[in-house]
PDB file of N, CA and C in Angstrom:
ATOM      1  N   GLN A   1       0.847  -1.170   0.000  1.00  0.00           N
ATOM      2  CA  GLN A   1       0.000   0.000   0.000  1.00  0.00           C
ATOM      3  C   GLN A   1       0.895   1.237   0.000  1.00  0.00           C
ATOM      4  N   ILE A   2       0.633   2.125  -0.922  1.00  0.00           N
ATOM      5  CA  ILE A   2       1.426   3.346  -1.037  1.00  0.00           C
ATOM      6  C   ILE A   2       0.893   4.371  -0.041  1.00  0.00           C
ATOM      7  N   SER A   3       1.825   4.906   0.746  1.00  0.00           N
ATOM      8  CA  SER A   3       1.466   5.902   1.744  1.00  0.00           C
ATOM      9  C   SER A   3       2.713   6.719   2.068  1.00  0.00           C
ATOM     10  N   GLU A   4       2.586   7.601   3.063  1.00  0.00           N
ATOM     11  CA  GLU A   4       3.741   8.376   3.515  1.00  0.00           C
ATOM     12  C   GLU A   4       4.863   7.440   3.973  1.00  0.00           C
ATOM     13  N   LYS A   5       4.502   6.290   4.524  1.00  0.00           N
ATOM     14  CA  LYS A   5       5.502   5.343   4.995  1.00  0.00           C
ATOM     15  C   LYS A   5       6.319   4.771   3.843  1.00  0.00           C
ATOM     16  N   SER A   6       5.744   4.698   2.657  1.00  0.00           N
ATOM     17  CA  SER A   6       6.502   4.276   1.479  1.00  0.00           C
ATOM     18  C   SER A   6       7.566   5.313   1.144  1.00  0.00           C
ATOM     19  N   ASP A   7       7.197   6.571   1.261  1.00  0.00           N
ATOM     20  CA  ASP A   7       8.159   7.648   1.009  1.00  0.00           C
ATOM     21  C   ASP A   7       9.279   7.631   2.040  1.00  0.00           C
ATOM     22  N   LEU A   8       8.945   7.333   3.288  1.00  0.00           N
ATOM     23  CA  LEU A   8       9.958   7.283   4.343  1.00  0.00           C
ATOM     24  C   LEU A   8      10.919   6.126   4.114  1.00  0.00           C
ATOM     25  N   TYR A   9      10.412   5.026   3.589  1.00  0.00           N
ATOM     26  CA  TYR A   9      11.286   3.915   3.214  1.00  0.00           C
ATOM     27  C   TYR A   9      12.278   4.389   2.147  1.00  0.00           C
ATOM     28  N   SER A  10      11.771   5.117   1.170  1.00  0.00           N
ATOM     29  CA  SER A  10      12.633   5.629   0.097  1.00  0.00           C
ATOM     30  C   SER A  10      13.694   6.585   0.633  1.00  0.00           C
ATOM     31  N   VAL A  11      13.319   7.431   1.586  1.00  0.00           N
ATOM     32  CA  VAL A  11      14.288   8.345   2.203  1.00  0.00           C
ATOM     33  C   VAL A  11      15.393   7.538   2.883  1.00  0.00           C
ATOM     34  N   ALA A  12      15.014   6.498   3.611  1.00  0.00           N
ATOM     35  CA  ALA A  12      16.005   5.663   4.290  1.00  0.00           C
ATOM     36  C   ALA A  12      16.899   4.944   3.281  1.00  0.00           C
ATOM     37  N   ALA A  13      16.329   4.500   2.173  1.00  0.00           N
ATOM     38  CA  ALA A  13      17.124   3.826   1.136  1.00  0.00           C
ATOM     39  C   ALA A  13      18.115   4.798   0.484  1.00  0.00           C
ATOM     40  N   VAL A  14      17.697   6.017   0.237  1.00  0.00           N
ATOM     41  CA  VAL A  14      18.601   7.029  -0.322  1.00  0.00           C
ATOM     42  C   VAL A  14      19.679   7.393   0.698  1.00  0.00           C
ATOM     43  N   PHE A  15      19.312   7.489   1.960  1.00  0.00           N
ATOM     44  CA  PHE A  15      20.282   7.759   3.026  1.00  0.00           C
ATOM     45  C   PHE A  15      21.342   6.657   3.047  1.00  0.00           C
ATOM     46  N   TYR A  16      20.920   5.406   2.941  1.00  0.00           N
ATOM     47  CA  TYR A  16      21.853   4.289   2.896  1.00  0.00           C
ATOM     48  C   TYR A  16      22.792   4.441   1.700  1.00  0.00           C
ATOM     49  N   PHE A  17      22.237   4.778   0.544  1.00  0.00           N
ATOM     50  CA  PHE A  17      23.053   4.961  -0.663  1.00  0.00           C
ATOM     51  C   PHE A  17      24.071   6.087  -0.468  1.00  0.00           C
ATOM     52  N   CYS A  18      23.652   7.175   0.148  1.00  0.00           N
ATOM     53  CA  CYS A  18      24.566   8.302   0.396  1.00  0.00           C
ATOM     54  C   CYS A  18      25.708   7.894   1.326  1.00  0.00           C
ATOM     55  N   LEU A  19      25.429   7.049   2.290  1.00  0.00           N
ATOM     56  CA  LEU A  19      26.450   6.601   3.239  1.00  0.00           C
ATOM     57  C   LEU A  19      27.423   5.604   2.625  1.00  0.00           C
ATOM     58  N   THR A  20      26.895   4.707   1.804  1.00  0.00           N
ATOM     59  CA  THR A  20      27.702   3.592   1.325  1.00  0.00           C
ATOM     60  C   THR A  20      28.179   3.730  -0.116  1.00  0.00           C
ATOM     61  N   GLY A  21      27.443   4.477  -0.911  1.00  0.00           N
ATOM     62  CA  GLY A  21      27.777   4.596  -2.325  1.00  0.00           C
ATOM     63  C   GLY A  21      27.219   3.469  -3.176  1.00  0.00           C
ATOM     64  N   VAL A  22      26.449   2.564  -2.564  1.00  0.00           N
ATOM     65  CA  VAL A  22      25.830   1.460  -3.299  1.00  0.00           C
ATOM     66  C   VAL A  22      24.364   1.344  -2.893  1.00  0.00           C
ATOM     67  N   PRO A  23      23.510   0.931  -3.825  1.00  0.00           N
ATOM     68  CA  PRO A  23      22.097   0.760  -3.464  1.00  0.00           C
ATOM     69  C   PRO A  23      21.896  -0.493  -2.615  1.00  0.00           C
ATOM     70  N   LEU A  24      20.778  -0.530  -1.935  1.00  0.00           N
ATOM     71  CA  LEU A  24      20.416  -1.730  -1.174  1.00  0.00           C
ATOM     72  C   LEU A  24      20.259  -2.914  -2.117  1.00  0.00           C
ATOM     73  N   THR A  25      20.694  -4.078  -1.668  1.00  0.00           N
ATOM     74  CA  THR A  25      20.467  -5.297  -2.437  1.00  0.00           C
ATOM     75  C   THR A  25      19.078  -5.833  -2.099  1.00  0.00           C
ATOM     76  N   LEU A  26      18.598  -6.762  -2.901  1.00  0.00           N
ATOM     77  CA  LEU A  26      17.304  -7.370  -2.619  1.00  0.00           C
ATOM     78  C   LEU A  26      17.332  -8.054  -1.253  1.00  0.00           C
ATOM     79  N   PHE A  27      18.422  -8.727  -0.932  1.00  0.00           N
ATOM     80  CA  PHE A  27      18.547  -9.376   0.372  1.00  0.00           C
ATOM     81  C   PHE A  27      18.434  -8.360   1.500  1.00  0.00           C
ATOM     82  N   GLN A  28      19.086  -7.206   1.358  1.00  0.00           N
ATOM     83  CA  GLN A  28      19.008  -6.179   2.397  1.00  0.00           C
ATOM     84  C   GLN A  28      17.601  -5.612   2.522  1.00  0.00           C
ATOM     85  N   MET A  29      16.878  -5.547   1.411  1.00  0.00           N
ATOM     86  CA  MET A  29      15.521  -5.005   1.447  1.00  0.00           C
ATOM     87  C   MET A  29      14.543  -5.917   2.170  1.00  0.00           C
ATOM     88  N   ILE A  30      14.773  -7.220   2.146  1.00  0.00           N
ATOM     89  CA  ILE A  30      13.821  -8.142   2.775  1.00  0.00           C
ATOM     90  C   ILE A  30      14.313  -8.650   4.130  1.00  0.00           C
ATOM     91  N   ARG A  31      15.491  -8.265   4.517  1.00  0.00           N
ATOM     92  CA  ARG A  31      16.093  -8.715   5.770  1.00  0.00           C
ATOM     93  C   ARG A  31      15.411  -8.053   6.967  1.00  0.00           C
ATOM     94  N   ARG A  32      15.421  -8.724   8.108  1.00  0.00           N
ATOM     95  CA  ARG A  32      14.779  -8.180   9.311  1.00  0.00           C
ATOM     96  C   ARG A  32      15.572  -7.054   9.952  1.00  0.00           C
ATOM     97  N   GLY A  33      16.879  -7.144   9.953  1.00  0.00           N
ATOM     98  CA  GLY A  33      17.712  -6.146  10.621  1.00  0.00           C
ATOM     99  C   GLY A  33      18.207  -5.082   9.665  1.00  0.00           C
ATOM    100  N   PRO A  34      18.827  -4.045  10.220  1.00  0.00           N
ATOM    101  CA  PRO A  34      19.367  -2.984   9.366  1.00  0.00           C
ATOM    102  C   PRO A  34      20.573  -3.487   8.587  1.00  0.00           C
ATOM    103  N   PRO A  35      20.889  -2.874   7.474  1.00  0.00           N
ATOM    104  CA  PRO A  35      22.067  -3.278   6.699  1.00  0.00           C
ATOM    105  C   PRO A  35      23.339  -3.083   7.520  1.00  0.00           C
ATOM    106  N   GLU A  36      24.329  -3.901   7.236  1.00  0.00           N
ATOM    107  CA  GLU A  36      25.621  -3.783   7.911  1.00  0.00           C
ATOM    108  C   GLU A  36      26.304  -2.488   7.498  1.00  0.00           C
ATOM    109  N   LEU A  37      26.918  -1.820   8.457  1.00  0.00           N
ATOM    110  CA  LEU A  37      27.580  -0.547   8.187  1.00  0.00           C
ATOM    111  C   LEU A  37      29.036  -0.551   8.636  1.00  0.00           C
ATOM    112  N   GLU A  38      29.580  -1.729   8.903  1.00  0.00           N
ATOM    113  CA  GLU A  38      30.931  -1.819   9.465  1.00  0.00           C
ATOM    114  C   GLU A  38      31.985  -1.173   8.564  1.00  0.00           C
ATOM    115  N   GLN A  39      31.904  -1.361   7.274  1.00  0.00           N
ATOM    116  CA  GLN A  39      32.887  -0.809   6.339  1.00  0.00           C
ATOM    117  C   GLN A  39      32.332   0.376   5.557  1.00  0.00           C
ATOM    118  N   CYS A  40      31.377   1.043   6.127  1.00  0.00           N
ATOM    119  CA  CYS A  40      30.693   2.133   5.444  1.00  0.00           C
ATOM    120  C   CYS A  40      31.590   3.369   5.334  1.00  0.00           C
ATOM    121  N   PRO A  41      31.919   3.806   4.117  1.00  0.00           N
ATOM    122  CA  PRO A  41      32.794   4.967   3.954  1.00  0.00           C
ATOM    123  C   PRO A  41      32.246   6.248   4.579  1.00  0.00           C
ATOM    124  N   GLY A  42      30.937   6.414   4.579  1.00  0.00           N
ATOM    125  CA  GLY A  42      30.328   7.622   5.121  1.00  0.00           C
ATOM    126  C   GLY A  42      30.340   7.706   6.634  1.00  0.00           C
ATOM    127  N   LEU A  43      30.771   6.637   7.302  1.00  0.00           N
ATOM    128  CA  LEU A  43      30.754   6.627   8.768  1.00  0.00           C
ATOM    129  C   LEU A  43      32.138   6.409   9.378  1.00  0.00           C
ATOM    130  N   LEU A  44      33.178   6.501   8.582  1.00  0.00           N
ATOM    131  CA  LEU A  44      34.521   6.214   9.089  1.00  0.00           C
ATOM    132  C   LEU A  44      34.931   7.121  10.237  1.00  0.00           C
ATOM    133  N   ASP A  45      34.624   8.397  10.164  1.00  0.00           N
ATOM    134  CA  ASP A  45      35.038   9.350  11.192  1.00  0.00           C
ATOM    135  C   ASP A  45      33.898   9.772  12.111  1.00  0.00           C
ATOM    136  N   VAL A  46      32.881   8.951  12.222  1.00  0.00           N
ATOM    137  CA  VAL A  46      31.700   9.294  13.004  1.00  0.00           C
ATOM    138  C   VAL A  46      31.788   8.629  14.375  1.00  0.00           C
ATOM    139  N   GLN A  47      31.425   9.382  15.404  1.00  0.00           N
ATOM    140  CA  GLN A  47      31.424   8.868  16.774  1.00  0.00           C
ATOM    141  C   GLN A  47      30.393   7.743  16.926  1.00  0.00           C
ATOM    142  N   SER A  48      30.576   6.911  17.936  1.00  0.00           N
ATOM    143  CA  SER A  48      29.687   5.763  18.130  1.00  0.00           C
ATOM    144  C   SER A  48      28.242   6.186  18.400  1.00  0.00           C
ATOM    145  N   ARG A  49      28.042   7.317  19.086  1.00  0.00           N
ATOM    146  CA  ARG A  49      26.672   7.780  19.357  1.00  0.00           C
ATOM    147  C   ARG A  49      25.948   8.107  18.059  1.00  0.00           C
ATOM    148  N   GLU A  50      26.616   8.825  17.175  1.00  0.00           N
ATOM    149  CA  GLU A  50      26.000   9.160  15.889  1.00  0.00           C
ATOM    150  C   GLU A  50      25.788   7.905  15.041  1.00  0.00           C
ATOM    151  N   ARG A  51      26.735   6.984  15.114  1.00  0.00           N
ATOM    152  CA  ARG A  51      26.611   5.729  14.368  1.00  0.00           C
ATOM    153  C   ARG A  51      25.358   4.962  14.827  1.00  0.00           C
ATOM    154  N   GLU A  52      25.080   4.968  16.120  1.00  0.00           N
ATOM    155  CA  GLU A  52      23.893   4.288  16.637  1.00  0.00           C
ATOM    156  C   GLU A  52      22.605   4.962  16.148  1.00  0.00           C
ATOM    157  N   ILE A  53      22.627   6.278  16.050  1.00  0.00           N
ATOM    158  CA  ILE A  53      21.447   6.989  15.534  1.00  0.00           C
ATOM    159  C   ILE A  53      21.239   6.647  14.065  1.00  0.00           C
ATOM    160  N   VAL A  54      22.325   6.583  13.307  1.00  0.00           N
ATOM    161  CA  VAL A  54      22.230   6.193  11.890  1.00  0.00           C
ATOM    162  C   VAL A  54      21.628   4.798  11.781  1.00  0.00           C
ATOM    163  N   LYS A  55      22.098   3.875  12.598  1.00  0.00           N
ATOM    164  CA  LYS A  55      21.543   2.516  12.576  1.00  0.00           C
ATOM    165  C   LYS A  55      20.059   2.521  12.903  1.00  0.00           C
ATOM    166  N   ARG A  56      19.662   3.361  13.866  1.00  0.00           N
ATOM    167  CA  ARG A  56      18.239   3.444  14.240  1.00  0.00           C
ATOM    168  C   ARG A  56      17.414   3.986  13.075  1.00  0.00           C
ATOM    169  N   ILE A  57      17.933   4.993  12.388  1.00  0.00           N
ATOM    170  CA  ILE A  57      17.208   5.543  11.231  1.00  0.00           C
ATOM    171  C   ILE A  57      17.012   4.464  10.177  1.00  0.00           C
ATOM    172  N   LEU A  58      18.083   3.724   9.891  1.00  0.00           N
ATOM    173  CA  LEU A  58      17.976   2.669   8.884  1.00  0.00           C
ATOM    174  C   LEU A  58      17.089   1.527   9.370  1.00  0.00           C
ATOM    175  N   TRP A  59      17.189   1.177  10.649  1.00  0.00           N
ATOM    176  CA  TRP A  59      16.361   0.106  11.204  1.00  0.00           C
ATOM    177  C   TRP A  59      14.880   0.437  11.069  1.00  0.00           C
ATOM    178  N   ARG A  60      14.503   1.622  11.498  1.00  0.00           N
ATOM    179  CA  ARG A  60      13.080   2.005  11.440  1.00  0.00           C
ATOM    180  C   ARG A  60      12.640   2.345  10.027  1.00  0.00           C
ATOM    181  N   GLY A  61      13.504   3.014   9.284  1.00  0.00           N
ATOM    182  CA  GLY A  61      13.122   3.458   7.944  1.00  0.00           C
ATOM    183  C   GLY A  61      13.009   2.340   6.930  1.00  0.00           C
ATOM    184  N   LEU A  62      13.779   1.261   7.112  1.00  0.00           N
ATOM    185  CA  LEU A  62      13.810   0.181   6.125  1.00  0.00           C
ATOM    186  C   LEU A  62      13.034  -1.058   6.559  1.00  0.00           C
ATOM    187  N   GLN A  63      12.143  -0.910   7.510  1.00  0.00           N
ATOM    188  CA  GLN A  63      11.321  -2.049   7.925  1.00  0.00           C
ATOM    189  C   GLN A  63      10.457  -2.522   6.758  1.00  0.00           C
ATOM    190  N   THR A  64      10.378  -3.831   6.565  1.00  0.00           N
ATOM    191  CA  THR A  64       9.556  -4.349   5.466  1.00  0.00           C
ATOM    192  C   THR A  64       8.064  -4.232   5.772  1.00  0.00           C
ATOM    193  N   ILE A  65       7.714  -4.216   7.043  1.00  0.00           N
ATOM    194  CA  ILE A  65       6.312  -4.055   7.438  1.00  0.00           C
ATOM    195  C   ILE A  65       6.068  -2.574   7.738  1.00  0.00           C
ATOM    196  N   PRO A  66       5.237  -1.913   6.940  1.00  0.00           N
ATOM    197  CA  PRO A  66       5.042  -0.467   7.081  1.00  0.00           C
ATOM    198  C   PRO A  66       4.671   0.005   8.483  1.00  0.00           C
ATOM    199  N   SER A  67       3.910  -0.775   9.228  1.00  0.00           N
ATOM    200  CA  SER A  67       3.503  -0.342  10.569  1.00  0.00           C
ATOM    201  C   SER A  67       4.683  -0.241  11.531  1.00  0.00           C
ATOM    202  N   ARG A  68       5.822  -0.809  11.176  1.00  0.00           N
ATOM    203  CA  ARG A  68       7.021  -0.737  12.020  1.00  0.00           C
ATOM    204  C   ARG A  68       7.935   0.417  11.648  1.00  0.00           C
ATOM    205  N   ARG A  69       7.616   1.104  10.573  1.00  0.00           N
ATOM    206  CA  ARG A  69       8.434   2.240  10.128  1.00  0.00           C
ATOM    207  C   ARG A  69       8.087   3.492  10.932  1.00  0.00           C
ATOM    208  N   TYR A  70       8.782   4.569  10.620  1.00  0.00           N
ATOM    209  CA  TYR A  70       8.461   5.854  11.236  1.00  0.00           C
ATOM    210  C   TYR A  70       6.991   6.176  10.984  1.00  0.00           C
ATOM    211  N   VAL A  71       6.381   6.816  11.954  1.00  0.00           N
ATOM    212  CA  VAL A  71       4.968   7.188  11.840  1.00  0.00           C
ATOM    213  C   VAL A  71       4.801   8.347  10.860  1.00  0.00           C
ATOM    214  N   SER A  72       5.759   9.273  10.886  1.00  0.00           N
ATOM    215  CA  SER A  72       5.660  10.438  10.009  1.00  0.00           C
ATOM    216  C   SER A  72       7.056  10.950   9.678  1.00  0.00           C
ATOM    217  N   ALA A  73       7.107  11.852   8.725  1.00  0.00           N
ATOM    218  CA  ALA A  73       8.377  12.478   8.347  1.00  0.00           C
ATOM    219  C   ALA A  73       8.957  13.274   9.513  1.00  0.00           C
ATOM    220  N   VAL A  74       8.104  13.844  10.322  1.00  0.00           N
ATOM    221  CA  VAL A  74       8.568  14.602  11.491  1.00  0.00           C
ATOM    222  C   VAL A  74       9.339  13.686  12.441  1.00  0.00           C
ATOM    223  N   ASP A  75       8.830  12.481  12.656  1.00  0.00           N
ATOM    224  CA  ASP A  75       9.521  11.525  13.527  1.00  0.00           C
ATOM    225  C   ASP A  75      10.904  11.186  12.979  1.00  0.00           C
ATOM    226  N   MET A  76      10.977  10.962  11.683  1.00  0.00           N
ATOM    227  CA  MET A  76      12.261  10.646  11.059  1.00  0.00           C
ATOM    228  C   MET A  76      13.216  11.832  11.137  1.00  0.00           C
ATOM    229  N   MET A  77      12.699  13.018  10.899  1.00  0.00           N
ATOM    230  CA  MET A  77      13.529  14.226  10.960  1.00  0.00           C
ATOM    231  C   MET A  77      14.113  14.428  12.353  1.00  0.00           C
ATOM    232  N   GLN A  78      13.377  14.068  13.378  1.00  0.00           N
ATOM    233  CA  GLN A  78      13.893  14.211  14.740  1.00  0.00           C
ATOM    234  C   GLN A  78      15.147  13.368  14.935  1.00  0.00           C
ATOM    235  N   ASP A  79      15.175  12.165  14.377  1.00  0.00           N
ATOM    236  CA  ASP A  79      16.386  11.352  14.477  1.00  0.00           C
ATOM    237  C   ASP A  79      17.527  11.955  13.655  1.00  0.00           C
ATOM    238  N   PHE A  80      17.231  12.506  12.496  1.00  0.00           N
ATOM    239  CA  PHE A  80      18.277  13.179  11.717  1.00  0.00           C
ATOM    240  C   PHE A  80      18.835  14.379  12.498  1.00  0.00           C
ATOM    241  N   TYR A  81      17.977  15.126  13.167  1.00  0.00           N
ATOM    242  CA  TYR A  81      18.435  16.254  13.974  1.00  0.00           C
ATOM    243  C   TYR A  81      19.320  15.790  15.140  1.00  0.00           C
ATOM    244  N   ARG A  82      19.020  14.623  15.688  1.00  0.00           N
ATOM    245  CA  ARG A  82      19.853  14.086  16.773  1.00  0.00           C
ATOM    246  C   ARG A  82      21.295  13.886  16.291  1.00  0.00           C
ATOM    247  N   ILE A  83      21.456  13.494  15.045  1.00  0.00           N
ATOM    248  CA  ILE A  83      22.822  13.355  14.509  1.00  0.00           C
ATOM    249  C   ILE A  83      23.503  14.710  14.465  1.00  0.00           C
ATOM    250  N   LEU A  84      22.793  15.708  13.996  1.00  0.00           N
ATOM    251  CA  LEU A  84      23.377  17.053  13.879  1.00  0.00           C
ATOM    252  C   LEU A  84      23.714  17.650  15.225  1.00  0.00           C
ATOM    253  N   LEU A  85      22.915  17.346  16.234  1.00  0.00           N
ATOM    254  CA  LEU A  85      23.105  17.943  17.551  1.00  0.00           C
ATOM    255  C   LEU A  85      24.072  17.163  18.434  1.00  0.00           C
ATOM    256  N   SER A  86      24.493  15.990  17.982  1.00  0.00           N
ATOM    257  CA  SER A  86      25.406  15.174  18.795  1.00  0.00           C
ATOM    258  C   SER A  86      26.833  15.697  18.752  1.00  0.00           C
TER     259      SER A  86
END
């Protein structure tokens, strides 16, 4: 079902692409957990607190079941702001 939550999934997928330089694979799209970020070029110089927020954004944003994703864009933006304020 197409809804705001579909758009939030897309935002999380683009965020992942910006961090890694590669799109999500089909396996990553259907997986229960967030994609691995251990060798992520976009996070090499990032503190562990910010890294955890990034993982949370990807975890919630890339849920395969829409009801588990962010409720609204405002909710997602709050986590992005947490990265900026850390």
